[in-house]
Amino acid sequence: MNLWFRLLKLLISSFFRPRLQAPGGVSRLQFRVLPNDIDLNMHMTNGRYWTIFDLGRLDLILRTGLARVAMRSKWAPIAGAGTIQFRRELKPFQRFTLETRLAGWVGGRILMEQRVLTGSEETVATRALLITGMYSRRERRFLDGEEVLHAIGVSNVTSPPLGPAAQALLAADAALKLEDEPVT
C-alpha cells in the first residue's frame, strides 16, 4: 500500500467517523484521481484500483471494530483472489466514491464487494469482488465468517445469499487450486 498520505488521512478520520454495523455496513470513502494515479493513457492505472481498494477494506475493518480484535487475537486479514470489471475510466483530478461491503461468506472464505462510483448519479465505474479471509496466526487457520462476526459482537447471523458473480469467483478460485495440485 504505497498511498501514505491517503492511509494517514484514513487512519486519523476513522476515529471521527461513525461505527459500521456488520455484516450490512457499507464503507464510503471519497477520493480524487491524483497525478501519481494515472498512466500513459491519462486515466487511473489498473493497478492503482487494487491499492485504493485496500483502503476501503481497511476502513471497513477499522469502523466495525474488527481491527482491534484482530490485533489483540493476532489475526491477519488476507486477500486471496479477486476479479475486477472496468466500465468507465477515471480522468485526472476526477472525484470518485469507493464503496466497500461484505458480500457474504462460505466457511473461512469471506467475499467483499467494492465499487467505484462517479458523478452525482453515482454511476458504477468499476466493480470488484474479492475472496478474503481472516487468518489466525495462533491457530494457523482461517476463521469462519461466523467466528469473525461473533468476535465483534454479532451472533446468530448467516451469510447473505451469494450472487452469480460471487459463486463464479469461488468456482474459479477452486479450479485454480486444482490446477496447482501435483499430478501423481
N, C-alpha and C. Protein backbone atom coordinates (compact mmCIF):
# COMPACT_ATOMS: atom_id res chain seq x y z
N MET A 1 0.86 -1.16 0.00
CA MET A 1 0.00 0.00 0.00
C MET A 1 0.90 1.23 0.00
N ASN A 2 1.10 1.84 -1.15
CA ASN A 2 2.02 2.96 -1.24
C ASN A 2 1.32 4.32 -1.27
N LEU A 3 0.16 4.40 -0.69
CA LEU A 3 -0.60 5.65 -0.65
C LEU A 3 -0.53 6.23 0.75
N TRP A 4 0.64 6.65 1.17
CA TRP A 4 0.87 7.01 2.57
C TRP A 4 0.00 8.14 3.08
N PHE A 5 -0.18 9.20 2.31
CA PHE A 5 -1.00 10.32 2.78
C PHE A 5 -2.47 9.93 2.87
N ARG A 6 -2.94 9.17 1.89
CA ARG A 6 -4.32 8.69 1.94
C ARG A 6 -4.51 7.74 3.13
N LEU A 7 -3.53 6.90 3.37
CA LEU A 7 -3.59 5.98 4.51
C LEU A 7 -3.62 6.75 5.83
N LEU A 8 -2.76 7.73 5.96
CA LEU A 8 -2.72 8.53 7.19
C LEU A 8 -4.05 9.24 7.42
N LYS A 9 -4.60 9.83 6.37
CA LYS A 9 -5.90 10.50 6.48
C LYS A 9 -6.98 9.51 6.90
N LEU A 10 -6.96 8.32 6.33
CA LEU A 10 -7.94 7.30 6.67
C LEU A 10 -7.83 6.90 8.14
N LEU A 11 -6.61 6.67 8.60
CA LEU A 11 -6.41 6.24 9.99
C LEU A 11 -6.89 7.31 10.97
N ILE A 12 -6.57 8.56 10.70
CA ILE A 12 -7.00 9.64 11.59
C ILE A 12 -8.51 9.83 11.54
N SER A 13 -9.08 9.86 10.34
CA SER A 13 -10.52 10.12 10.21
C SER A 13 -11.37 8.97 10.74
N SER A 14 -10.83 7.77 10.80
CA SER A 14 -11.63 6.64 11.28
C SER A 14 -12.05 6.82 12.73
N PHE A 15 -11.29 7.60 13.51
CA PHE A 15 -11.66 7.86 14.89
C PHE A 15 -12.89 8.77 15.00
N PHE A 16 -13.17 9.54 13.96
CA PHE A 16 -14.24 10.52 13.99
C PHE A 16 -15.46 10.12 13.16
N ARG A 17 -15.35 9.03 12.45
CA ARG A 17 -16.47 8.57 11.62
C ARG A 17 -17.31 7.57 12.40
N PRO A 18 -18.59 7.47 12.08
CA PRO A 18 -19.45 6.55 12.84
C PRO A 18 -19.06 5.09 12.64
N ARG A 19 -19.33 4.31 13.65
CA ARG A 19 -19.07 2.87 13.60
C ARG A 19 -19.99 2.24 12.56
N LEU A 20 -19.49 1.24 11.87
CA LEU A 20 -20.30 0.49 10.91
C LEU A 20 -20.77 -0.81 11.54
N GLN A 21 -22.00 -1.17 11.28
CA GLN A 21 -22.55 -2.42 11.79
C GLN A 21 -22.29 -3.54 10.79
N ALA A 22 -21.76 -4.63 11.27
CA ALA A 22 -21.54 -5.79 10.42
C ALA A 22 -22.76 -6.70 10.56
N PRO A 23 -23.15 -7.42 9.56
CA PRO A 23 -22.48 -7.54 8.28
C PRO A 23 -22.98 -6.57 7.21
N GLY A 24 -23.97 -5.72 7.52
CA GLY A 24 -24.57 -4.89 6.47
C GLY A 24 -23.98 -3.52 6.25
N GLY A 25 -23.04 -3.08 7.09
CA GLY A 25 -22.48 -1.74 6.96
C GLY A 25 -21.67 -1.56 5.69
N VAL A 26 -21.76 -0.37 5.13
CA VAL A 26 -21.04 -0.06 3.89
C VAL A 26 -20.08 1.10 4.15
N SER A 27 -18.81 0.88 3.85
CA SER A 27 -17.80 1.94 3.93
C SER A 27 -17.91 2.78 2.67
N ARG A 28 -17.92 4.09 2.82
CA ARG A 28 -17.93 5.01 1.68
C ARG A 28 -16.80 6.02 1.89
N LEU A 29 -15.84 6.00 0.99
CA LEU A 29 -14.70 6.91 1.05
C LEU A 29 -14.66 7.77 -0.21
N GLN A 30 -14.33 9.04 -0.03
CA GLN A 30 -14.23 9.98 -1.14
C GLN A 30 -12.76 10.14 -1.53
N PHE A 31 -12.49 10.09 -2.82
CA PHE A 31 -11.13 10.27 -3.33
C PHE A 31 -11.17 11.16 -4.56
N ARG A 32 -9.98 11.54 -4.99
CA ARG A 32 -9.78 12.27 -6.24
C ARG A 32 -8.59 11.61 -6.94
N VAL A 33 -8.68 11.46 -8.26
CA VAL A 33 -7.57 10.89 -9.03
C VAL A 33 -6.43 11.90 -9.03
N LEU A 34 -5.30 11.48 -8.51
CA LEU A 34 -4.12 12.35 -8.43
C LEU A 34 -3.15 12.04 -9.57
N PRO A 35 -2.23 12.96 -9.86
CA PRO A 35 -1.30 12.72 -10.97
C PRO A 35 -0.50 11.41 -10.85
N ASN A 36 -0.18 10.99 -9.62
CA ASN A 36 0.57 9.74 -9.49
C ASN A 36 -0.32 8.49 -9.62
N ASP A 37 -1.62 8.69 -9.87
CA ASP A 37 -2.54 7.58 -10.07
C ASP A 37 -2.73 7.24 -11.55
N ILE A 38 -2.22 8.09 -12.46
CA ILE A 38 -2.55 7.92 -13.87
C ILE A 38 -1.43 7.22 -14.64
N ASP A 39 -1.81 6.66 -15.79
CA ASP A 39 -0.84 6.00 -16.66
C ASP A 39 -0.71 6.79 -17.97
N LEU A 40 -0.07 6.20 -18.96
CA LEU A 40 0.16 6.89 -20.22
C LEU A 40 -1.11 7.18 -21.00
N ASN A 41 -2.19 6.48 -20.68
CA ASN A 41 -3.47 6.73 -21.33
C ASN A 41 -4.24 7.88 -20.67
N MET A 42 -3.62 8.50 -19.68
CA MET A 42 -4.20 9.65 -18.96
C MET A 42 -5.49 9.29 -18.24
N HIS A 43 -5.52 8.10 -17.67
CA HIS A 43 -6.59 7.73 -16.77
C HIS A 43 -5.99 6.90 -15.63
N MET A 44 -6.79 6.64 -14.60
CA MET A 44 -6.26 5.91 -13.45
C MET A 44 -5.80 4.53 -13.91
N THR A 45 -4.59 4.18 -13.53
CA THR A 45 -3.99 2.92 -13.93
C THR A 45 -4.66 1.75 -13.20
N ASN A 46 -4.74 0.61 -13.87
CA ASN A 46 -5.48 -0.52 -13.31
C ASN A 46 -4.91 -0.99 -11.97
N GLY A 47 -3.62 -0.94 -11.77
CA GLY A 47 -3.02 -1.36 -10.50
C GLY A 47 -3.38 -0.46 -9.34
N ARG A 48 -3.65 0.81 -9.60
CA ARG A 48 -3.98 1.74 -8.53
C ARG A 48 -5.34 1.40 -7.91
N TYR A 49 -6.26 0.87 -8.72
CA TYR A 49 -7.56 0.48 -8.18
C TYR A 49 -7.38 -0.50 -7.02
N TRP A 50 -6.55 -1.53 -7.23
CA TRP A 50 -6.37 -2.55 -6.19
C TRP A 50 -5.78 -1.93 -4.93
N THR A 51 -4.88 -0.97 -5.10
CA THR A 51 -4.26 -0.34 -3.93
C THR A 51 -5.28 0.52 -3.18
N ILE A 52 -6.10 1.25 -3.90
CA ILE A 52 -7.13 2.06 -3.26
C ILE A 52 -8.19 1.15 -2.62
N PHE A 53 -8.46 0.00 -3.23
CA PHE A 53 -9.40 -0.95 -2.63
C PHE A 53 -8.90 -1.41 -1.25
N ASP A 54 -7.58 -1.51 -1.08
CA ASP A 54 -7.03 -1.85 0.23
C ASP A 54 -7.52 -0.86 1.29
N LEU A 55 -7.57 0.42 0.93
CA LEU A 55 -8.02 1.45 1.88
C LEU A 55 -9.48 1.25 2.26
N GLY A 56 -10.31 0.87 1.29
CA GLY A 56 -11.72 0.62 1.58
C GLY A 56 -11.90 -0.55 2.53
N ARG A 57 -11.15 -1.63 2.32
CA ARG A 57 -11.27 -2.78 3.22
C ARG A 57 -10.73 -2.43 4.61
N LEU A 58 -9.67 -1.64 4.66
CA LEU A 58 -9.13 -1.22 5.96
C LEU A 58 -10.16 -0.36 6.71
N ASP A 59 -10.82 0.55 6.01
CA ASP A 59 -11.84 1.37 6.65
C ASP A 59 -12.95 0.51 7.22
N LEU A 60 -13.40 -0.48 6.46
CA LEU A 60 -14.45 -1.37 6.94
C LEU A 60 -13.99 -2.13 8.19
N ILE A 61 -12.76 -2.61 8.18
CA ILE A 61 -12.22 -3.34 9.34
C ILE A 61 -12.09 -2.43 10.55
N LEU A 62 -11.62 -1.21 10.34
CA LEU A 62 -11.48 -0.27 11.46
C LEU A 62 -12.83 0.11 12.05
N ARG A 63 -13.78 0.44 11.20
CA ARG A 63 -15.03 1.01 11.67
C ARG A 63 -16.04 -0.03 12.16
N THR A 64 -15.79 -1.31 11.91
CA THR A 64 -16.64 -2.35 12.50
C THR A 64 -16.08 -2.81 13.84
N GLY A 65 -14.88 -2.36 14.19
CA GLY A 65 -14.24 -2.79 15.43
C GLY A 65 -13.41 -4.04 15.27
N LEU A 66 -13.35 -4.56 14.06
CA LEU A 66 -12.60 -5.80 13.82
C LEU A 66 -11.10 -5.60 13.95
N ALA A 67 -10.60 -4.42 13.64
CA ALA A 67 -9.14 -4.19 13.71
C ALA A 67 -8.61 -4.40 15.12
N ARG A 68 -9.32 -3.88 16.10
CA ARG A 68 -8.88 -4.02 17.50
C ARG A 68 -8.85 -5.49 17.91
N VAL A 69 -9.92 -6.23 17.56
CA VAL A 69 -9.99 -7.66 17.90
C VAL A 69 -8.89 -8.42 17.17
N ALA A 70 -8.68 -8.10 15.90
CA ALA A 70 -7.67 -8.80 15.10
C ALA A 70 -6.27 -8.59 15.67
N MET A 71 -5.96 -7.38 16.07
CA MET A 71 -4.62 -7.12 16.62
C MET A 71 -4.43 -7.86 17.94
N ARG A 72 -5.43 -7.82 18.79
CA ARG A 72 -5.35 -8.48 20.09
C ARG A 72 -5.25 -10.01 19.93
N SER A 73 -5.95 -10.56 18.93
CA SER A 73 -6.00 -12.01 18.73
C SER A 73 -4.94 -12.53 17.77
N LYS A 74 -4.12 -11.63 17.24
CA LYS A 74 -3.10 -12.00 16.25
C LYS A 74 -3.72 -12.61 14.99
N TRP A 75 -4.77 -11.92 14.51
CA TRP A 75 -5.40 -12.30 13.25
C TRP A 75 -4.88 -11.38 12.16
N ALA A 76 -4.82 -11.91 10.96
CA ALA A 76 -4.36 -11.13 9.81
C ALA A 76 -5.41 -11.20 8.70
N PRO A 77 -5.89 -10.04 8.22
CA PRO A 77 -6.79 -10.07 7.06
C PRO A 77 -5.98 -10.36 5.81
N ILE A 78 -6.45 -11.30 5.02
CA ILE A 78 -5.73 -11.75 3.83
C ILE A 78 -6.66 -11.66 2.62
N ALA A 79 -6.16 -11.11 1.52
CA ALA A 79 -6.88 -11.14 0.25
C ALA A 79 -6.33 -12.31 -0.56
N GLY A 80 -7.23 -13.20 -1.02
CA GLY A 80 -6.79 -14.41 -1.69
C GLY A 80 -7.02 -14.43 -3.18
N ALA A 81 -8.08 -13.80 -3.65
CA ALA A 81 -8.39 -13.81 -5.08
C ALA A 81 -9.33 -12.65 -5.35
N GLY A 82 -9.37 -12.24 -6.58
CA GLY A 82 -10.26 -11.14 -6.92
C GLY A 82 -10.50 -11.04 -8.41
N THR A 83 -11.57 -10.36 -8.74
CA THR A 83 -11.87 -10.06 -10.13
C THR A 83 -12.38 -8.63 -10.19
N ILE A 84 -12.11 -7.99 -11.29
CA ILE A 84 -12.48 -6.58 -11.42
C ILE A 84 -13.07 -6.34 -12.81
N GLN A 85 -14.03 -5.43 -12.87
CA GLN A 85 -14.63 -5.05 -14.14
C GLN A 85 -14.56 -3.53 -14.25
N PHE A 86 -13.90 -3.06 -15.31
CA PHE A 86 -13.79 -1.63 -15.57
C PHE A 86 -14.90 -1.24 -16.55
N ARG A 87 -15.72 -0.28 -16.16
CA ARG A 87 -16.82 0.16 -17.01
C ARG A 87 -16.59 1.56 -17.57
N ARG A 88 -16.01 2.43 -16.75
CA ARG A 88 -15.74 3.81 -17.15
C ARG A 88 -14.38 4.21 -16.60
N GLU A 89 -13.63 4.96 -17.39
CA GLU A 89 -12.32 5.41 -16.92
C GLU A 89 -12.45 6.58 -15.96
N LEU A 90 -11.42 6.74 -15.15
CA LEU A 90 -11.33 7.88 -14.24
C LEU A 90 -10.20 8.78 -14.74
N LYS A 91 -10.55 10.02 -15.01
CA LYS A 91 -9.60 11.00 -15.54
C LYS A 91 -8.87 11.73 -14.40
N PRO A 92 -7.74 12.38 -14.71
CA PRO A 92 -7.00 13.13 -13.68
C PRO A 92 -7.90 14.14 -12.96
N PHE A 93 -7.77 14.17 -11.64
CA PHE A 93 -8.47 15.08 -10.73
C PHE A 93 -9.97 14.80 -10.61
N GLN A 94 -10.45 13.74 -11.22
CA GLN A 94 -11.86 13.39 -11.10
C GLN A 94 -12.15 12.86 -9.69
N ARG A 95 -13.27 13.28 -9.13
CA ARG A 95 -13.71 12.79 -7.82
C ARG A 95 -14.41 11.45 -8.01
N PHE A 96 -14.27 10.59 -7.00
CA PHE A 96 -14.99 9.32 -7.02
C PHE A 96 -15.22 8.85 -5.59
N THR A 97 -16.18 7.96 -5.44
CA THR A 97 -16.51 7.36 -4.15
C THR A 97 -16.20 5.88 -4.23
N LEU A 98 -15.54 5.37 -3.20
CA LEU A 98 -15.28 3.94 -3.10
C LEU A 98 -16.22 3.36 -2.06
N GLU A 99 -17.03 2.41 -2.47
CA GLU A 99 -17.91 1.68 -1.55
C GLU A 99 -17.33 0.29 -1.31
N THR A 100 -17.33 -0.13 -0.06
CA THR A 100 -16.85 -1.47 0.30
C THR A 100 -17.87 -2.10 1.22
N ARG A 101 -18.23 -3.35 0.92
CA ARG A 101 -19.18 -4.05 1.77
C ARG A 101 -18.86 -5.53 1.80
N LEU A 102 -19.32 -6.16 2.86
CA LEU A 102 -19.23 -7.60 2.98
C LEU A 102 -20.35 -8.21 2.15
N ALA A 103 -19.98 -9.04 1.17
CA ALA A 103 -21.00 -9.63 0.30
C ALA A 103 -21.53 -10.93 0.87
N GLY A 104 -20.72 -11.63 1.66
CA GLY A 104 -21.14 -12.90 2.25
C GLY A 104 -19.93 -13.75 2.55
N TRP A 105 -20.17 -14.97 2.95
CA TRP A 105 -19.06 -15.86 3.27
C TRP A 105 -19.49 -17.31 3.11
N VAL A 106 -18.49 -18.14 2.87
CA VAL A 106 -18.64 -19.59 2.83
C VAL A 106 -17.49 -20.13 3.65
N GLY A 107 -17.78 -20.60 4.84
CA GLY A 107 -16.72 -21.06 5.74
C GLY A 107 -15.77 -19.91 6.03
N GLY A 108 -14.49 -20.13 5.78
CA GLY A 108 -13.48 -19.11 6.02
C GLY A 108 -13.22 -18.20 4.84
N ARG A 109 -13.99 -18.34 3.79
CA ARG A 109 -13.82 -17.51 2.59
C ARG A 109 -14.85 -16.38 2.64
N ILE A 110 -14.35 -15.18 2.90
CA ILE A 110 -15.20 -14.01 3.09
C ILE A 110 -15.15 -13.18 1.80
N LEU A 111 -16.31 -12.94 1.23
CA LEU A 111 -16.37 -12.21 -0.03
C LEU A 111 -16.70 -10.75 0.21
N MET A 112 -15.93 -9.89 -0.44
CA MET A 112 -16.11 -8.44 -0.34
C MET A 112 -16.44 -7.90 -1.72
N GLU A 113 -17.36 -6.93 -1.75
CA GLU A 113 -17.66 -6.23 -2.99
C GLU A 113 -17.17 -4.80 -2.85
N GLN A 114 -16.49 -4.29 -3.88
CA GLN A 114 -16.03 -2.91 -3.88
C GLN A 114 -16.43 -2.27 -5.20
N ARG A 115 -16.99 -1.05 -5.08
CA ARG A 115 -17.44 -0.33 -6.26
C ARG A 115 -16.88 1.08 -6.26
N VAL A 116 -16.49 1.54 -7.44
CA VAL A 116 -16.09 2.93 -7.63
C VAL A 116 -17.26 3.62 -8.31
N LEU A 117 -17.75 4.68 -7.67
CA LEU A 117 -18.91 5.43 -8.17
C LEU A 117 -18.48 6.83 -8.57
N THR A 118 -19.04 7.32 -9.67
CA THR A 118 -18.69 8.66 -10.15
C THR A 118 -19.95 9.47 -10.44
N GLY A 119 -19.78 10.78 -10.39
CA GLY A 119 -20.85 11.71 -10.74
C GLY A 119 -21.92 11.81 -9.67
N SER A 120 -22.81 12.76 -9.86
CA SER A 120 -23.88 12.99 -8.89
C SER A 120 -24.89 11.84 -8.88
N GLU A 121 -24.96 11.10 -9.98
CA GLU A 121 -25.87 9.95 -10.03
C GLU A 121 -25.20 8.68 -9.53
N GLU A 122 -23.93 8.80 -9.14
CA GLU A 122 -23.15 7.68 -8.64
C GLU A 122 -23.18 6.49 -9.59
N THR A 123 -22.74 6.73 -10.80
CA THR A 123 -22.63 5.69 -11.81
C THR A 123 -21.49 4.75 -11.44
N VAL A 124 -21.70 3.46 -11.60
CA VAL A 124 -20.65 2.48 -11.30
C VAL A 124 -19.60 2.54 -12.40
N ALA A 125 -18.38 2.94 -12.02
CA ALA A 125 -17.27 2.99 -12.96
C ALA A 125 -16.45 1.70 -12.93
N THR A 126 -16.36 1.11 -11.76
CA THR A 126 -15.58 -0.11 -11.57
C THR A 126 -16.23 -0.93 -10.47
N ARG A 127 -16.20 -2.25 -10.65
CA ARG A 127 -16.72 -3.15 -9.63
C ARG A 127 -15.75 -4.30 -9.47
N ALA A 128 -15.50 -4.66 -8.22
CA ALA A 128 -14.60 -5.78 -7.93
C ALA A 128 -15.22 -6.68 -6.88
N LEU A 129 -14.92 -7.95 -6.99
CA LEU A 129 -15.26 -8.94 -5.97
C LEU A 129 -13.96 -9.58 -5.52
N LEU A 130 -13.83 -9.75 -4.21
CA LEU A 130 -12.61 -10.34 -3.67
C LEU A 130 -12.95 -11.46 -2.70
N ILE A 131 -12.13 -12.49 -2.72
CA ILE A 131 -12.19 -13.52 -1.70
C ILE A 131 -11.12 -13.16 -0.69
N THR A 132 -11.56 -12.95 0.54
CA THR A 132 -10.64 -12.60 1.61
C THR A 132 -10.83 -13.60 2.74
N GLY A 133 -10.07 -13.42 3.76
CA GLY A 133 -10.22 -14.26 4.94
C GLY A 133 -9.50 -13.64 6.12
N MET A 134 -9.84 -14.12 7.29
CA MET A 134 -9.16 -13.68 8.50
C MET A 134 -8.36 -14.88 9.00
N TYR A 135 -7.04 -14.74 8.96
CA TYR A 135 -6.14 -15.83 9.32
C TYR A 135 -5.68 -15.68 10.76
N SER A 136 -5.86 -16.74 11.55
CA SER A 136 -5.40 -16.76 12.94
C SER A 136 -3.98 -17.30 12.96
N ARG A 137 -3.04 -16.43 13.32
CA ARG A 137 -1.65 -16.87 13.40
C ARG A 137 -1.44 -17.85 14.54
N ARG A 138 -2.18 -17.68 15.61
CA ARG A 138 -2.06 -18.59 16.75
C ARG A 138 -2.54 -19.99 16.41
N GLU A 139 -3.69 -20.07 15.73
CA GLU A 139 -4.29 -21.36 15.42
C GLU A 139 -3.87 -21.90 14.06
N ARG A 140 -3.20 -21.06 13.27
CA ARG A 140 -2.73 -21.43 11.93
C ARG A 140 -3.88 -21.95 11.05
N ARG A 141 -4.93 -21.15 11.00
CA ARG A 141 -6.08 -21.50 10.16
C ARG A 141 -6.88 -20.23 9.86
N PHE A 142 -7.71 -20.34 8.82
CA PHE A 142 -8.64 -19.26 8.50
C PHE A 142 -9.89 -19.44 9.35
N LEU A 143 -10.40 -18.34 9.87
CA LEU A 143 -11.59 -18.36 10.72
C LEU A 143 -12.84 -18.33 9.87
N ASP A 144 -13.88 -19.05 10.31
CA ASP A 144 -15.16 -18.98 9.63
C ASP A 144 -15.74 -17.58 9.76
N GLY A 145 -16.55 -17.19 8.79
CA GLY A 145 -17.19 -15.88 8.81
C GLY A 145 -17.96 -15.64 10.09
N GLU A 146 -18.67 -16.66 10.57
CA GLU A 146 -19.45 -16.52 11.81
C GLU A 146 -18.53 -16.25 13.01
N GLU A 147 -17.36 -16.88 13.04
CA GLU A 147 -16.41 -16.66 14.14
C GLU A 147 -15.93 -15.21 14.15
N VAL A 148 -15.64 -14.69 12.97
CA VAL A 148 -15.16 -13.31 12.86
C VAL A 148 -16.24 -12.34 13.34
N LEU A 149 -17.47 -12.54 12.88
CA LEU A 149 -18.56 -11.65 13.29
C LEU A 149 -18.86 -11.79 14.78
N HIS A 150 -18.80 -13.00 15.30
CA HIS A 150 -19.04 -13.21 16.73
C HIS A 150 -18.02 -12.44 17.57
N ALA A 151 -16.79 -12.36 17.07
CA ALA A 151 -15.73 -11.65 17.80
C ALA A 151 -16.01 -10.16 17.94
N ILE A 152 -16.83 -9.61 17.06
CA ILE A 152 -17.17 -8.18 17.16
C ILE A 152 -18.60 -7.98 17.66
N GLY A 153 -19.15 -9.04 18.26
CA GLY A 153 -20.44 -8.90 18.92
C GLY A 153 -21.66 -9.22 18.09
N VAL A 154 -21.48 -9.81 16.92
CA VAL A 154 -22.61 -10.17 16.07
C VAL A 154 -22.78 -11.68 16.14
N SER A 155 -23.94 -12.13 16.59
CA SER A 155 -24.15 -13.57 16.70
C SER A 155 -25.44 -13.96 15.98
N ASN A 156 -25.59 -15.26 15.80
CA ASN A 156 -26.78 -15.82 15.13
C ASN A 156 -27.05 -15.16 13.79
N VAL A 157 -26.02 -15.08 12.99
CA VAL A 157 -26.16 -14.48 11.66
C VAL A 157 -25.68 -15.47 10.61
N THR A 158 -26.36 -15.49 9.50
CA THR A 158 -25.93 -16.33 8.38
C THR A 158 -25.54 -15.43 7.22
N SER A 159 -24.78 -15.99 6.33
CA SER A 159 -24.33 -15.22 5.17
C SER A 159 -25.50 -14.81 4.30
N PRO A 160 -25.46 -13.58 3.78
CA PRO A 160 -26.45 -13.23 2.77
C PRO A 160 -26.27 -14.16 1.55
N PRO A 161 -27.31 -14.37 0.77
CA PRO A 161 -27.14 -15.23 -0.41
C PRO A 161 -26.10 -14.63 -1.35
N LEU A 162 -25.25 -15.48 -1.88
CA LEU A 162 -24.22 -15.03 -2.82
C LEU A 162 -24.80 -14.98 -4.23
N GLY A 163 -24.51 -13.90 -4.92
CA GLY A 163 -24.97 -13.75 -6.30
C GLY A 163 -24.18 -14.62 -7.25
N PRO A 164 -24.59 -14.65 -8.52
CA PRO A 164 -23.91 -15.48 -9.51
C PRO A 164 -22.43 -15.11 -9.70
N ALA A 165 -22.10 -13.82 -9.64
CA ALA A 165 -20.70 -13.42 -9.82
C ALA A 165 -19.84 -13.93 -8.68
N ALA A 166 -20.34 -13.83 -7.44
CA ALA A 166 -19.58 -14.33 -6.29
C ALA A 166 -19.41 -15.84 -6.37
N GLN A 167 -20.45 -16.55 -6.76
CA GLN A 167 -20.36 -18.00 -6.91
C GLN A 167 -19.36 -18.37 -8.00
N ALA A 168 -19.36 -17.62 -9.10
CA ALA A 168 -18.41 -17.88 -10.19
C ALA A 168 -16.97 -17.63 -9.73
N LEU A 169 -16.76 -16.58 -8.93
CA LEU A 169 -15.41 -16.31 -8.42
C LEU A 169 -14.94 -17.44 -7.51
N LEU A 170 -15.81 -17.93 -6.64
CA LEU A 170 -15.45 -19.06 -5.78
C LEU A 170 -15.12 -20.29 -6.61
N ALA A 171 -15.90 -20.54 -7.66
CA ALA A 171 -15.64 -21.69 -8.53
C ALA A 171 -14.31 -21.54 -9.27
N ALA A 172 -14.04 -20.33 -9.77
CA ALA A 172 -12.77 -20.10 -10.48
C ALA A 172 -11.59 -20.27 -9.53
N ASP A 173 -11.72 -19.79 -8.31
CA ASP A 173 -10.65 -19.94 -7.33
C ASP A 173 -10.41 -21.41 -7.02
N ALA A 174 -11.48 -22.18 -6.86
CA ALA A 174 -11.34 -23.62 -6.60
C ALA A 174 -10.68 -24.32 -7.79
N ALA A 175 -11.04 -23.93 -9.01
CA ALA A 175 -10.44 -24.55 -10.20
C ALA A 175 -8.95 -24.24 -10.29
N LEU A 176 -8.56 -23.02 -9.96
CA LEU A 176 -7.13 -22.67 -9.98
C LEU A 176 -6.35 -23.48 -8.95
N LYS A 177 -6.95 -23.72 -7.80
CA LYS A 177 -6.29 -24.52 -6.77
C LYS A 177 -6.08 -25.95 -7.26
N LEU A 178 -7.06 -26.50 -7.98
CA LEU A 178 -6.92 -27.85 -8.52
C LEU A 178 -5.78 -27.94 -9.52
N GLU A 179 -5.60 -26.90 -10.30
CA GLU A 179 -4.52 -26.89 -11.29
C GLU A 179 -3.14 -26.85 -10.63
N ASP A 180 -3.07 -26.33 -9.40
CA ASP A 180 -1.79 -26.25 -8.68
C ASP A 180 -1.39 -27.57 -8.05
N GLU A 181 -2.35 -28.47 -7.88
CA GLU A 181 -2.03 -29.75 -7.23
C GLU A 181 -1.18 -30.61 -8.14
N PRO A 182 -0.14 -31.25 -7.59
CA PRO A 182 0.72 -32.09 -8.42
C PRO A 182 -0.03 -33.33 -8.90
N VAL A 183 0.24 -33.72 -10.11
CA VAL A 183 -0.36 -34.91 -10.69
C VAL A 183 0.53 -36.10 -10.36
N THR A 184 -0.08 -37.17 -9.84
CA THR A 184 0.71 -38.35 -9.49
C THR A 184 0.42 -39.52 -10.37
